[in-house]
Amino acid sequence: MRALVLLSGGLDSLLATRLIQKQGIEVKGISFSSPFFSAERSREASKQLSIPCKVVDIGKELISLILSPPHGFGKGANPCIDCHILMVKKAGSLMQPEKASFLVTGEVLGERPKSQSRWALDVVARESGWGDYLLRPLTAKNLPPTLPEQRGWVDREKLLGIKGKSRQIQLKLAKKFGFKDFPTPAGGCLLTDPNFSRRVKYILSYHKLTLREVELLKVGRHFCLNHTSRVIIGRNKEENQQLITLASQGDVFLQVMGFPGPVALLKGSTKEEFILRAASLTARYSDAPGGMVKVQYYQVPQKEKRWVRVNPMEEKLVEKLRIERKL
């Protein structure tokens, strides 16, 4: 008998896996990656559990969900319920190739107010199409018996009935099972980060969200000039290089002449007023001592260099244009 566990790398999925292993069932991990989260935690967890872990990239499907999530967003730009449905669907489709009989997750009823409410757990089970095969060992006694329990593949009496936000039971189990290295519940997905979420929602409002756009959202400081134009300013040498790599045809690069400073990327209108505002922002983040400076710029892919003379932008206007503060 083999089960596939949706391994997030968090404590709950570690514990759920161990409960199934202790019933003599072989377990294989399934983890997911995307531009918003990696599978690194899952790989580390699989080492603690001594199980193999298959990683599946769901980046394109997740971006499609973000464009129009059927069950809405969480507090950020995170379509958690629809993401969970997608993951269970993917895992379910792998049961036969992996010679597995059922699925396991570490979900706990009521631990998260939206994505782990009773309604949400029911929706994920139903809309994934694999509800009969979806076992949640940590909270199973709060839910109707699933096929693995009904058929005696697992002993329901050895499963748990944890519910609510308190993690005291999980922490005691972690000590009992010898788990010492596990991440805190928060974090892991960029879509739950407030600042990154504001950037995503800005793009959703005015532009098309693509894999390239997502990578740009991870880089630098972001400013909105109007609904068609924005400026991204690198914060270090690595981000400057990333902006150069991620630029598209028609984008404009700017950099202060004669002083150390960042690369800035203007996306959208190339009218003179936008060039000047982008140049002023670029000057603000350079090491120029103040007053008028020259800012060099060129448009991709021509690279014909020109320059303008501007004053560094005043801080009050900088903050007004910052995307994270606007939404």
Foldseek 3Di string as FASTA:
>chain_A
DEEEEAFQLFLLSLLQVVLLVVQVHHYAYEYEDELFFHCVSRVVSCVVVVHHYHYYYCHVVVLVCLLPPPVDADPFSHSQLVVLLVVLLVVVVCCVVVVHDAYEYSAADAQDPPCRHPVSLVCSLVSSPRVLRYDHQAQRVVDPHHVCCVVVVDPNVSGHRDHHNDCPVSVVVCVVVVPDDGDDPDDRGNRPPLLLRLLVVLCSVQHRDDSLSSLQSVAAFKFAPDSFKIKGKGDDPVRLVVCVVSDDAFKKWKAWPPFAFTIMIMGGDPDPVSVQVNNLCRQQGTPPPWDKTKMWMDGPPPPPIDIDIHTRDDPVVVLVGGSSNPD
